Amino acid sequence: MTQGPEQTQDKRKTSARRRWWTIVATVLSVALGGYLLYRTLSGYSLAQLVDAVRALPAGRLAAAGGFAAASYLCLTGIDWLALRAAGTPLPYPRVALAAFISLGLGHSIGFAGLSSGAIRYRFYTRWGLKTADVAKAVLFCGVTVAVGLMALGAVAVLVHPGLARDVTGLGPGAVLAAGLACAGGVAAYLGLAAWWRKPLRFRRWSLEMPPLPLAAAQVGLGAVNFALVSACLHQVLSAVSDVGYLAVASVFVIANAAVLITHVPGGVGVIESVVVHLLPKTDVIGPLIAFRCLYFLAPLALGLLAFGATEAVFRWRDAGRAATVETQSA
């Protein structure tokens, strides 16, 4: 069935509007990212930033940086799985580039599903994906974060219930119920992936369950990612206090649950609050500055540079193709 001129023109207008809104969202994301980088750094003098890093033993700093890098590597794997689940796989180098840039900016901007989703859309549609495919991939990543947080949260809360009670102020019964609810949520998700084949519908939205192996990989990669970030935080805190890894993982899970609800950019203030609660008599300002530099500010700065470079390359290629088409048609 052929389309008439009016339908073709309407499609072109719709496509042009999508491109325009994507450009606007991307520019706003980059501008906000740059502002947040400036605002965060302007709160400290250069001497404070340098002293915070120098105060850490080189071994601890290197380990923290390694765990931060491993977390972002894990996140690129989640994006790679997401595109496979959407039925539109891409070469890993391309996925890694788009994922790192989008998440390097999205973690600091806040509302990561929207901010990083807009940047993913910018990359993936250039590589042939449709809007629906990108939406499926972004949803898959969001679900992975949720089930990963629930999996690690269940372990942290059930193994270390006393700390969870102290941080949240909940009673023993409520903490136990929260831990069991997290474990039950993960089990239910895996059960649906194993036996449910129809899309799950919530009003106008529908969610297609991935096969069980992909769902299990979601849970595993999601939990490993949060475990790696917790390890990064644990390394810098261990420089000033003899604190256990599981305690740090517990408070970090609680902090991230609050961040997901509030969408505070970079978890500013939330992570600091729970860490201060964990170590009330310890000066943790230096380690927290170092943690933010390693996990948020360095990826944000690298992401901004990489995004600017890739945009320049894309525009140069588009201009070259347009010039070739004009020459051939002349």
C-alpha atoms as a PDB file:
ATOM      1  CA  MET A   1       0.000   0.000   0.000  1.00  0.00           C
ATOM      2  CA  THR A   2       1.596   3.293  -1.112  1.00  0.00           C
ATOM      3  CA  GLN A   3       1.406   6.479   0.892  1.00  0.00           C
ATOM      4  CA  GLY A   4       0.066   9.737  -0.534  1.00  0.00           C
ATOM      5  CA  PRO A   5       2.003  13.005  -0.653  1.00  0.00           C
ATOM      6  CA  GLU A   6       0.155  14.350   2.397  1.00  0.00           C
ATOM      7  CA  GLN A   7       1.030  11.310   4.527  1.00  0.00           C
ATOM      8  CA  THR A   8       4.664  11.498   3.451  1.00  0.00           C
ATOM      9  CA  GLN A   9       4.774  15.198   4.278  1.00  0.00           C
ATOM     10  CA  ASP A  10       3.184  14.604   7.691  1.00  0.00           C
ATOM     11  CA  LYS A  11       5.788  11.940   8.454  1.00  0.00           C
ATOM     12  CA  ARG A  12       8.562  14.312   7.496  1.00  0.00           C
ATOM     13  CA  LYS A  13       7.138  17.028   9.743  1.00  0.00           C
ATOM     14  CA  THR A  14       6.828  14.585  12.649  1.00  0.00           C
ATOM     15  CA  SER A  15      10.390  13.386  12.112  1.00  0.00           C
ATOM     16  CA  ALA A  16      11.634  16.991  11.948  1.00  0.00           C
ATOM     17  CA  ARG A  17       9.821  17.847  15.187  1.00  0.00           C
ATOM     18  CA  ARG A  18      11.353  14.818  16.925  1.00  0.00           C
ATOM     19  CA  ARG A  19      14.819  15.795  15.762  1.00  0.00           C
ATOM     20  CA  TRP A  20      14.258  19.372  16.930  1.00  0.00           C
ATOM     21  CA  TRP A  21      13.063  18.310  20.394  1.00  0.00           C
ATOM     22  CA  THR A  22      15.917  15.830  20.672  1.00  0.00           C
ATOM     23  CA  ILE A  23      18.431  18.575  19.862  1.00  0.00           C
ATOM     24  CA  VAL A  24      16.802  20.881  22.428  1.00  0.00           C
ATOM     25  CA  ALA A  25      16.811  18.164  25.116  1.00  0.00           C
ATOM     26  CA  THR A  26      20.411  17.273  24.344  1.00  0.00           C
ATOM     27  CA  VAL A  27      21.600  20.885  24.452  1.00  0.00           C
ATOM     28  CA  LEU A  28      19.766  21.442  27.744  1.00  0.00           C
ATOM     29  CA  SER A  29      21.297  18.252  29.174  1.00  0.00           C
ATOM     30  CA  VAL A  30      24.802  19.334  28.207  1.00  0.00           C
ATOM     31  CA  ALA A  31      24.244  22.875  29.511  1.00  0.00           C
ATOM     32  CA  LEU A  32      22.871  21.559  32.800  1.00  0.00           C
ATOM     33  CA  GLY A  33      25.741  19.103  33.051  1.00  0.00           C
ATOM     34  CA  GLY A  34      28.264  21.889  32.599  1.00  0.00           C
ATOM     35  CA  TYR A  35      26.456  24.035  35.159  1.00  0.00           C
ATOM     36  CA  LEU A  36      26.375  21.208  37.703  1.00  0.00           C
ATOM     37  CA  LEU A  37      30.068  20.586  37.162  1.00  0.00           C
ATOM     38  CA  TYR A  38      30.759  24.281  37.780  1.00  0.00           C
ATOM     39  CA  ARG A  39      28.385  24.498  40.762  1.00  0.00           C
ATOM     40  CA  THR A  40      29.812  21.416  42.464  1.00  0.00           C
ATOM     41  CA  LEU A  41      33.426  22.445  41.963  1.00  0.00           C
ATOM     42  CA  SER A  42      32.766  26.063  42.931  1.00  0.00           C
ATOM     43  CA  GLY A  43      31.723  24.871  46.387  1.00  0.00           C
ATOM     44  CA  TYR A  44      35.307  23.892  47.080  1.00  0.00           C
ATOM     45  CA  SER A  45      38.604  25.626  46.550  1.00  0.00           C
ATOM     46  CA  LEU A  46      41.201  23.997  44.357  1.00  0.00           C
ATOM     47  CA  ALA A  47      43.310  23.438  47.458  1.00  0.00           C
ATOM     48  CA  GLN A  48      40.448  21.541  49.135  1.00  0.00           C
ATOM     49  CA  LEU A  49      39.982  19.292  46.130  1.00  0.00           C
ATOM     50  CA  VAL A  50      43.699  18.585  45.880  1.00  0.00           C
ATOM     51  CA  ASP A  51      44.042  17.995  49.638  1.00  0.00           C
ATOM     52  CA  ALA A  52      41.025  15.654  49.635  1.00  0.00           C
ATOM     53  CA  VAL A  53      42.647  13.458  47.017  1.00  0.00           C
ATOM     54  CA  ARG A  54      46.137  13.678  48.508  1.00  0.00           C
ATOM     55  CA  ALA A  55      44.813  12.681  51.938  1.00  0.00           C
ATOM     56  CA  LEU A  56      43.861   9.282  50.563  1.00  0.00           C
ATOM     57  CA  PRO A  57      46.498   6.561  50.363  1.00  0.00           C
ATOM     58  CA  ALA A  58      47.472   5.932  46.747  1.00  0.00           C
ATOM     59  CA  GLY A  59      46.358   2.307  46.986  1.00  0.00           C
ATOM     60  CA  ARG A  60      42.882   3.251  48.235  1.00  0.00           C
ATOM     61  CA  LEU A  61      42.498   5.934  45.576  1.00  0.00           C
ATOM     62  CA  ALA A  62      43.566   3.571  42.796  1.00  0.00           C
ATOM     63  CA  ALA A  63      41.193   0.868  44.035  1.00  0.00           C
ATOM     64  CA  ALA A  64      38.299   3.348  44.262  1.00  0.00           C
ATOM     65  CA  GLY A  65      39.010   4.551  40.734  1.00  0.00           C
ATOM     66  CA  GLY A  66      39.132   0.965  39.505  1.00  0.00           C
ATOM     67  CA  PHE A  67      35.764   0.154  41.087  1.00  0.00           C
ATOM     68  CA  ALA A  68      34.242   3.321  39.565  1.00  0.00           C
ATOM     69  CA  ALA A  69      35.539   2.376  36.111  1.00  0.00           C
ATOM     70  CA  ALA A  70      34.257  -1.175  36.549  1.00  0.00           C
ATOM     71  CA  SER A  71      30.814   0.192  37.432  1.00  0.00           C
ATOM     72  CA  TYR A  72      30.622   2.208  34.213  1.00  0.00           C
ATOM     73  CA  LEU A  73      31.852  -0.825  32.274  1.00  0.00           C
ATOM     74  CA  CYS A  74      29.034  -2.815  33.872  1.00  0.00           C
ATOM     75  CA  LEU A  75      26.547  -0.113  32.839  1.00  0.00           C
ATOM     76  CA  THR A  76      27.659  -0.356  29.211  1.00  0.00           C
ATOM     77  CA  GLY A  77      26.955  -4.087  29.448  1.00  0.00           C
ATOM     78  CA  ILE A  78      23.429  -3.315  30.617  1.00  0.00           C
ATOM     79  CA  ASP A  79      22.862  -1.110  27.566  1.00  0.00           C
ATOM     80  CA  TRP A  80      24.234  -3.863  25.318  1.00  0.00           C
ATOM     81  CA  LEU A  81      21.768  -6.323  26.854  1.00  0.00           C
ATOM     82  CA  ALA A  82      18.959  -3.765  26.495  1.00  0.00           C
ATOM     83  CA  LEU A  83      19.457  -3.483  22.747  1.00  0.00           C
ATOM     84  CA  ARG A  84      19.535  -7.260  22.396  1.00  0.00           C
ATOM     85  CA  ALA A  85      16.288  -7.478  24.367  1.00  0.00           C
ATOM     86  CA  ALA A  86      14.768  -4.848  22.046  1.00  0.00           C
ATOM     87  CA  GLY A  87      15.799  -6.958  19.044  1.00  0.00           C
ATOM     88  CA  THR A  88      18.138  -4.262  17.696  1.00  0.00           C
ATOM     89  CA  PRO A  89      21.692  -5.236  18.700  1.00  0.00           C
ATOM     90  CA  LEU A  90      24.568  -2.909  17.864  1.00  0.00           C
ATOM     91  CA  PRO A  91      28.350  -3.438  18.013  1.00  0.00           C
ATOM     92  CA  TYR A  92      29.600  -3.135  21.588  1.00  0.00           C
ATOM     93  CA  PRO A  93      31.993  -0.185  20.918  1.00  0.00           C
ATOM     94  CA  ARG A  94      29.082   1.937  19.710  1.00  0.00           C
ATOM     95  CA  VAL A  95      26.923   0.912  22.661  1.00  0.00           C
ATOM     96  CA  ALA A  96      29.738   1.607  25.120  1.00  0.00           C
ATOM     97  CA  LEU A  97      30.260   5.103  23.691  1.00  0.00           C
ATOM     98  CA  ALA A  98      26.585   6.042  23.849  1.00  0.00           C
ATOM     99  CA  ALA A  99      26.072   4.476  27.276  1.00  0.00           C
ATOM    100  CA  PHE A 100      29.089   6.117  28.904  1.00  0.00           C
ATOM    101  CA  ILE A 101      28.286   9.586  27.566  1.00  0.00           C
ATOM    102  CA  SER A 102      24.578   9.364  28.428  1.00  0.00           C
ATOM    103  CA  LEU A 103      25.163   7.974  31.924  1.00  0.00           C
ATOM    104  CA  GLY A 104      28.195  10.150  32.658  1.00  0.00           C
ATOM    105  CA  LEU A 105      25.902  13.135  32.148  1.00  0.00           C
ATOM    106  CA  GLY A 106      22.671  11.553  33.404  1.00  0.00           C
ATOM    107  CA  HIS A 107      24.053  10.567  36.815  1.00  0.00           C
ATOM    108  CA  SER A 108      24.873  14.181  37.616  1.00  0.00           C
ATOM    109  CA  ILE A 109      21.914  15.848  35.886  1.00  0.00           C
ATOM    110  CA  GLY A 110      19.231  13.780  37.647  1.00  0.00           C
ATOM    111  CA  PHE A 111      16.077  12.293  36.111  1.00  0.00           C
ATOM    112  CA  ALA A 112      18.471   9.828  34.467  1.00  0.00           C
ATOM    113  CA  GLY A 113      15.728   8.082  32.511  1.00  0.00           C
ATOM    114  CA  LEU A 114      14.940  11.330  30.679  1.00  0.00           C
ATOM    115  CA  SER A 115      18.330  13.010  30.493  1.00  0.00           C
ATOM    116  CA  SER A 116      20.346   9.946  29.532  1.00  0.00           C
ATOM    117  CA  GLY A 117      17.431   8.707  27.421  1.00  0.00           C
ATOM    118  CA  ALA A 118      17.536  11.846  25.267  1.00  0.00           C
ATOM    119  CA  ILE A 119      21.255  11.381  24.630  1.00  0.00           C
ATOM    120  CA  ARG A 120      20.799   7.680  23.877  1.00  0.00           C
ATOM    121  CA  TYR A 121      18.085   8.616  21.393  1.00  0.00           C
ATOM    122  CA  ARG A 122      20.495  11.057  19.744  1.00  0.00           C
ATOM    123  CA  PHE A 123      23.051   8.299  19.204  1.00  0.00           C
ATOM    124  CA  TYR A 124      20.915   5.254  18.523  1.00  0.00           C
ATOM    125  CA  THR A 125      18.601   6.832  15.951  1.00  0.00           C
ATOM    126  CA  ARG A 126      21.677   7.894  13.982  1.00  0.00           C
ATOM    127  CA  TRP A 127      22.650   4.234  13.902  1.00  0.00           C
ATOM    128  CA  GLY A 128      19.305   3.103  12.496  1.00  0.00           C
ATOM    129  CA  LEU A 129      17.140   2.429  15.560  1.00  0.00           C
ATOM    130  CA  LYS A 130      13.537   3.592  15.711  1.00  0.00           C
ATOM    131  CA  THR A 131      11.993   5.607  18.542  1.00  0.00           C
ATOM    132  CA  ALA A 132      10.147   2.554  19.876  1.00  0.00           C
ATOM    133  CA  ASP A 133      13.384   0.551  19.954  1.00  0.00           C
ATOM    134  CA  VAL A 134      15.176   3.247  21.960  1.00  0.00           C
ATOM    135  CA  ALA A 135      12.223   3.476  24.364  1.00  0.00           C
ATOM    136  CA  LYS A 136      12.360  -0.297  24.936  1.00  0.00           C
ATOM    137  CA  ALA A 137      16.087  -0.139  25.609  1.00  0.00           C
ATOM    138  CA  VAL A 138      15.747   2.767  28.066  1.00  0.00           C
ATOM    139  CA  LEU A 139      12.919   0.955  29.878  1.00  0.00           C
ATOM    140  CA  PHE A 140      15.020  -2.210  30.062  1.00  0.00           C
ATOM    141  CA  CYS A 141      17.875  -0.226  31.644  1.00  0.00           C
ATOM    142  CA  GLY A 142      15.504   1.355  34.155  1.00  0.00           C
ATOM    143  CA  VAL A 143      14.090  -2.019  35.162  1.00  0.00           C
ATOM    144  CA  THR A 144      17.649  -3.363  35.503  1.00  0.00           C
ATOM    145  CA  VAL A 145      18.521  -0.573  37.929  1.00  0.00           C
ATOM    146  CA  ALA A 146      15.381  -1.306  39.954  1.00  0.00           C
ATOM    147  CA  VAL A 147      15.799  -5.091  40.210  1.00  0.00           C
ATOM    148  CA  GLY A 148      19.545  -4.712  40.839  1.00  0.00           C
ATOM    149  CA  LEU A 149      18.887  -2.276  43.674  1.00  0.00           C
ATOM    150  CA  MET A 150      16.257  -4.617  45.120  1.00  0.00           C
ATOM    151  CA  ALA A 151      18.595  -7.623  44.920  1.00  0.00           C
ATOM    152  CA  LEU A 152      21.494  -5.900  46.677  1.00  0.00           C
ATOM    153  CA  GLY A 153      19.080  -4.188  49.066  1.00  0.00           C
ATOM    154  CA  ALA A 154      17.568  -7.499  50.106  1.00  0.00           C
ATOM    155  CA  VAL A 155      21.011  -8.893  50.930  1.00  0.00           C
ATOM    156  CA  ALA A 156      22.154  -5.755  52.746  1.00  0.00           C
ATOM    157  CA  VAL A 157      18.978  -5.304  54.784  1.00  0.00           C
ATOM    158  CA  LEU A 158      18.468  -8.947  55.727  1.00  0.00           C
ATOM    159  CA  VAL A 159      22.134  -9.526  56.602  1.00  0.00           C
ATOM    160  CA  HIS A 160      22.615  -6.161  58.354  1.00  0.00           C
ATOM    161  CA  PRO A 161      19.132  -5.298  59.744  1.00  0.00           C
ATOM    162  CA  GLY A 162      20.439  -3.277  62.702  1.00  0.00           C
ATOM    163  CA  LEU A 163      22.082  -0.661  60.485  1.00  0.00           C
ATOM    164  CA  ALA A 164      18.981  -0.396  58.301  1.00  0.00           C
ATOM    165  CA  ARG A 165      16.894   0.239  61.421  1.00  0.00           C
ATOM    166  CA  ASP A 166      19.281   2.958  62.610  1.00  0.00           C
ATOM    167  CA  VAL A 167      19.388   4.775  59.262  1.00  0.00           C
ATOM    168  CA  THR A 168      15.695   4.561  58.394  1.00  0.00           C
ATOM    169  CA  GLY A 169      14.216   4.745  61.890  1.00  0.00           C
ATOM    170  CA  LEU A 170      11.945   1.796  61.100  1.00  0.00           C
ATOM    171  CA  GLY A 171      11.138  -0.985  63.541  1.00  0.00           C
ATOM    172  CA  PRO A 172      12.515  -4.543  63.239  1.00  0.00           C
ATOM    173  CA  GLY A 173       9.290  -5.814  61.660  1.00  0.00           C
ATOM    174  CA  ALA A 174       9.229  -3.070  59.021  1.00  0.00           C
ATOM    175  CA  VAL A 175      12.894  -3.614  58.126  1.00  0.00           C
ATOM    176  CA  LEU A 176      12.348  -7.365  57.801  1.00  0.00           C
ATOM    177  CA  ALA A 177       9.257  -6.750  55.661  1.00  0.00           C
ATOM    178  CA  ALA A 178      11.222  -4.358  53.405  1.00  0.00           C
ATOM    179  CA  GLY A 179      14.002  -6.908  52.944  1.00  0.00           C
ATOM    180  CA  LEU A 180      11.569  -9.695  52.160  1.00  0.00           C
ATOM    181  CA  ALA A 181       9.642  -7.413  49.782  1.00  0.00           C
ATOM    182  CA  CYS A 182      12.855  -6.676  47.859  1.00  0.00           C
ATOM    183  CA  ALA A 183      13.712 -10.373  47.640  1.00  0.00           C
ATOM    184  CA  GLY A 184      10.140 -11.195  46.664  1.00  0.00           C
ATOM    185  CA  GLY A 185      10.132  -8.526  43.968  1.00  0.00           C
ATOM    186  CA  VAL A 186      13.255  -9.986  42.363  1.00  0.00           C
ATOM    187  CA  ALA A 187      11.848 -13.514  42.577  1.00  0.00           C
ATOM    188  CA  ALA A 188       8.543 -12.390  41.054  1.00  0.00           C
ATOM    189  CA  TYR A 189      10.336 -10.681  38.167  1.00  0.00           C
ATOM    190  CA  LEU A 190      12.361 -13.798  37.400  1.00  0.00           C
ATOM    191  CA  GLY A 191       9.212 -15.920  37.696  1.00  0.00           C
ATOM    192  CA  LEU A 192       7.361 -13.737  35.204  1.00  0.00           C
ATOM    193  CA  ALA A 193      10.318 -13.911  32.823  1.00  0.00           C
ATOM    194  CA  ALA A 194      10.255 -17.705  33.052  1.00  0.00           C
ATOM    195  CA  TRP A 195       6.537 -18.332  32.645  1.00  0.00           C
ATOM    196  CA  TRP A 196       4.728 -15.206  31.407  1.00  0.00           C
ATOM    197  CA  ARG A 197       4.736 -14.638  27.662  1.00  0.00           C
ATOM    198  CA  LYS A 198       2.096 -11.927  27.213  1.00  0.00           C
ATOM    199  CA  PRO A 199       2.952  -8.213  27.599  1.00  0.00           C
ATOM    200  CA  LEU A 200       2.199  -6.773  31.038  1.00  0.00           C
ATOM    201  CA  ARG A 201      -0.161  -3.820  30.627  1.00  0.00           C
ATOM    202  CA  PHE A 202      -0.456  -0.805  32.923  1.00  0.00           C
ATOM    203  CA  ARG A 203      -3.112   1.526  31.481  1.00  0.00           C
ATOM    204  CA  ARG A 204      -1.591   2.716  28.170  1.00  0.00           C
ATOM    205  CA  TRP A 205       1.812   1.170  28.857  1.00  0.00           C
ATOM    206  CA  SER A 206       2.895  -2.371  28.140  1.00  0.00           C
ATOM    207  CA  LEU A 207       6.021  -4.234  29.189  1.00  0.00           C
ATOM    208  CA  GLU A 208       7.269  -7.265  27.330  1.00  0.00           C
ATOM    209  CA  MET A 209       9.085  -9.661  29.635  1.00  0.00           C
ATOM    210  CA  PRO A 210      12.564 -10.683  28.462  1.00  0.00           C
ATOM    211  CA  PRO A 211      13.553 -14.363  28.352  1.00  0.00           C
ATOM    212  CA  LEU A 212      14.721 -15.800  31.669  1.00  0.00           C
ATOM    213  CA  PRO A 213      18.454 -15.714  30.785  1.00  0.00           C
ATOM    214  CA  LEU A 214      18.238 -11.985  29.960  1.00  0.00           C
ATOM    215  CA  ALA A 215      16.197 -11.312  33.110  1.00  0.00           C
ATOM    216  CA  ALA A 216      18.746 -13.171  35.229  1.00  0.00           C
ATOM    217  CA  ALA A 217      21.520 -11.150  33.586  1.00  0.00           C
ATOM    218  CA  GLN A 218      19.557  -7.978  34.432  1.00  0.00           C
ATOM    219  CA  VAL A 219      19.409  -8.896  38.101  1.00  0.00           C
ATOM    220  CA  GLY A 220      23.058  -9.925  38.152  1.00  0.00           C
ATOM    221  CA  LEU A 221      24.462  -6.889  36.328  1.00  0.00           C
ATOM    222  CA  GLY A 222      22.194  -4.486  38.224  1.00  0.00           C
ATOM    223  CA  ALA A 223      23.309  -5.848  41.599  1.00  0.00           C
ATOM    224  CA  VAL A 224      26.983  -5.998  40.559  1.00  0.00           C
ATOM    225  CA  ASN A 225      26.844  -2.355  39.456  1.00  0.00           C
ATOM    226  CA  PHE A 226      25.598  -1.160  42.849  1.00  0.00           C
ATOM    227  CA  ALA A 227      28.079  -3.455  44.589  1.00  0.00           C
ATOM    228  CA  LEU A 228      30.921  -1.856  42.598  1.00  0.00           C
ATOM    229  CA  VAL A 229      29.827   1.702  43.423  1.00  0.00           C
ATOM    230  CA  SER A 230      29.546   0.684  47.084  1.00  0.00           C
ATOM    231  CA  ALA A 231      33.076  -0.699  46.851  1.00  0.00           C
ATOM    232  CA  CYS A 232      34.285   2.623  45.431  1.00  0.00           C
ATOM    233  CA  LEU A 233      32.716   4.497  48.352  1.00  0.00           C
ATOM    234  CA  HIS A 234      34.037   1.919  50.824  1.00  0.00           C
ATOM    235  CA  GLN A 235      37.614   2.388  49.622  1.00  0.00           C
ATOM    236  CA  VAL A 236      37.650   6.146  50.215  1.00  0.00           C
ATOM    237  CA  LEU A 237      35.886   5.838  53.588  1.00  0.00           C
ATOM    238  CA  SER A 238      38.310   3.139  54.695  1.00  0.00           C
ATOM    239  CA  ALA A 239      41.054   5.756  54.529  1.00  0.00           C
ATOM    240  CA  VAL A 240      39.560   7.537  57.562  1.00  0.00           C
ATOM    241  CA  SER A 241      37.627   4.784  59.365  1.00  0.00           C
ATOM    242  CA  ASP A 242      37.642   1.040  59.895  1.00  0.00           C
ATOM    243  CA  VAL A 243      34.183   0.552  58.362  1.00  0.00           C
ATOM    244  CA  GLY A 244      32.950  -2.725  56.893  1.00  0.00           C
ATOM    245  CA  TYR A 245      31.971  -3.115  53.258  1.00  0.00           C
ATOM    246  CA  LEU A 246      28.508  -4.470  54.029  1.00  0.00           C
ATOM    247  CA  ALA A 247      27.730  -1.451  56.213  1.00  0.00           C
ATOM    248  CA  VAL A 248      28.704   0.899  53.390  1.00  0.00           C
ATOM    249  CA  ALA A 249      26.698  -1.144  50.870  1.00  0.00           C
ATOM    250  CA  SER A 250      23.646  -0.985  53.144  1.00  0.00           C
ATOM    251  CA  VAL A 251      23.676   2.794  53.525  1.00  0.00           C
ATOM    252  CA  PHE A 252      24.470   3.273  49.846  1.00  0.00           C
ATOM    253  CA  VAL A 253      21.458   1.178  48.838  1.00  0.00           C
ATOM    254  CA  ILE A 254      19.254   3.205  51.178  1.00  0.00           C
ATOM    255  CA  ALA A 255      20.677   6.444  49.776  1.00  0.00           C
ATOM    256  CA  ASN A 256      20.082   5.340  46.188  1.00  0.00           C
ATOM    257  CA  ALA A 257      16.515   4.344  46.961  1.00  0.00           C
ATOM    258  CA  ALA A 258      15.993   7.910  48.201  1.00  0.00           C
ATOM    259  CA  VAL A 259      17.764   9.340  45.127  1.00  0.00           C
ATOM    260  CA  LEU A 260      15.531   7.342  42.760  1.00  0.00           C
ATOM    261  CA  ILE A 261      12.489   8.775  44.513  1.00  0.00           C
ATOM    262  CA  THR A 262      13.683  12.387  44.730  1.00  0.00           C
ATOM    263  CA  HIS A 263      15.778  12.515  41.495  1.00  0.00           C
ATOM    264  CA  VAL A 264      18.326  14.739  43.251  1.00  0.00           C
ATOM    265  CA  PRO A 265      21.147  15.384  40.735  1.00  0.00           C
ATOM    266  CA  GLY A 266      24.062  13.139  41.655  1.00  0.00           C
ATOM    267  CA  GLY A 267      22.399  12.349  44.974  1.00  0.00           C
ATOM    268  CA  VAL A 268      23.814  15.619  46.319  1.00  0.00           C
ATOM    269  CA  GLY A 269      23.144  15.788  50.052  1.00  0.00           C
ATOM    270  CA  VAL A 270      21.462  12.379  50.238  1.00  0.00           C
ATOM    271  CA  ILE A 271      24.611  10.257  50.093  1.00  0.00           C
ATOM    272  CA  GLU A 272      26.389  12.649  52.454  1.00  0.00           C
ATOM    273  CA  SER A 273      23.560  12.409  54.994  1.00  0.00           C
ATOM    274  CA  VAL A 274      23.549   8.623  55.220  1.00  0.00           C
ATOM    275  CA  VAL A 275      27.359   8.437  55.333  1.00  0.00           C
ATOM    276  CA  VAL A 276      27.476  10.977  58.169  1.00  0.00           C
ATOM    277  CA  HIS A 277      24.855   8.869  59.957  1.00  0.00           C
ATOM    278  CA  LEU A 278      27.051   5.806  59.462  1.00  0.00           C
ATOM    279  CA  LEU A 279      30.200   7.577  60.720  1.00  0.00           C
ATOM    280  CA  PRO A 280      28.934  10.396  62.988  1.00  0.00           C
ATOM    281  CA  LYS A 281      32.261  11.053  64.731  1.00  0.00           C
ATOM    282  CA  THR A 282      34.478  10.898  61.653  1.00  0.00           C
ATOM    283  CA  ASP A 283      35.486  13.694  59.285  1.00  0.00           C
ATOM    284  CA  VAL A 284      34.224  12.263  55.983  1.00  0.00           C
ATOM    285  CA  ILE A 285      34.280  15.460  53.914  1.00  0.00           C
ATOM    286  CA  GLY A 286      37.569  14.602  52.205  1.00  0.00           C
ATOM    287  CA  PRO A 287      36.599  11.031  51.252  1.00  0.00           C
ATOM    288  CA  LEU A 288      33.191  12.180  50.009  1.00  0.00           C
ATOM    289  CA  ILE A 289      34.771  14.867  47.828  1.00  0.00           C
ATOM    290  CA  ALA A 290      37.142  12.240  46.433  1.00  0.00           C
ATOM    291  CA  PHE A 291      34.197   9.864  45.811  1.00  0.00           C
ATOM    292  CA  ARG A 292      32.270  12.548  43.950  1.00  0.00           C
ATOM    293  CA  CYS A 293      35.317  13.426  41.875  1.00  0.00           C
ATOM    294  CA  LEU A 294      35.879   9.791  40.928  1.00  0.00           C
ATOM    295  CA  TYR A 295      32.323   8.622  40.298  1.00  0.00           C
ATOM    296  CA  PHE A 296      30.407  11.742  39.271  1.00  0.00           C
ATOM    297  CA  LEU A 297      32.639  14.637  38.264  1.00  0.00           C
ATOM    298  CA  ALA A 298      35.278  12.763  36.259  1.00  0.00           C
ATOM    299  CA  PRO A 299      32.673  10.877  34.143  1.00  0.00           C
ATOM    300  CA  LEU A 300      30.679  14.111  33.767  1.00  0.00           C
ATOM    301  CA  ALA A 301      33.714  16.006  32.483  1.00  0.00           C
ATOM    302  CA  LEU A 302      34.813  13.137  30.218  1.00  0.00           C
ATOM    303  CA  GLY A 303      31.241  12.689  29.003  1.00  0.00           C
ATOM    304  CA  LEU A 304      30.933  16.365  28.080  1.00  0.00           C
ATOM    305  CA  LEU A 305      34.216  16.246  26.151  1.00  0.00           C
ATOM    306  CA  ALA A 306      33.336  12.986  24.400  1.00  0.00           C
ATOM    307  CA  PHE A 307      29.869  14.255  23.535  1.00  0.00           C
ATOM    308  CA  GLY A 308      31.256  17.433  22.014  1.00  0.00           C
ATOM    309  CA  ALA A 309      33.803  15.438  19.996  1.00  0.00           C
ATOM    310  CA  THR A 310      31.246  12.926  18.696  1.00  0.00           C
ATOM    311  CA  GLU A 311      28.806  15.691  17.777  1.00  0.00           C
ATOM    312  CA  ALA A 312      31.559  17.377  15.766  1.00  0.00           C
ATOM    313  CA  VAL A 313      32.360  14.100  13.997  1.00  0.00           C
ATOM    314  CA  PHE A 314      28.691  13.382  13.251  1.00  0.00           C
ATOM    315  CA  ARG A 315      28.131  16.873  11.846  1.00  0.00           C
ATOM    316  CA  TRP A 316      31.281  16.639   9.710  1.00  0.00           C
ATOM    317  CA  ARG A 317      30.103  13.307   8.278  1.00  0.00           C
ATOM    318  CA  ASP A 318      26.573  14.603   7.676  1.00  0.00           C
ATOM    319  CA  ALA A 319      27.932  17.665   5.893  1.00  0.00           C
ATOM    320  CA  GLY A 320      30.177  15.466   3.740  1.00  0.00           C
ATOM    321  CA  ARG A 321      27.293  13.187   2.775  1.00  0.00           C
ATOM    322  CA  ALA A 322      25.070  16.167   1.955  1.00  0.00           C
ATOM    323  CA  ALA A 323      27.796  17.632  -0.247  1.00  0.00           C
ATOM    324  CA  THR A 324      28.224  14.280  -2.032  1.00  0.00           C
ATOM    325  CA  VAL A 325      24.482  14.021  -2.678  1.00  0.00           C
ATOM    326  CA  GLU A 326      24.373  17.574  -4.084  1.00  0.00           C
ATOM    327  CA  THR A 327      27.340  16.852  -6.354  1.00  0.00           C
ATOM    328  CA  GLN A 328      25.765  13.664  -7.666  1.00  0.00           C
ATOM    329  CA  SER A 329      22.402  15.318  -8.299  1.00  0.00           C
ATOM    330  CA  ALA A 330      23.959  18.318 -10.060  1.00  0.00           C
END
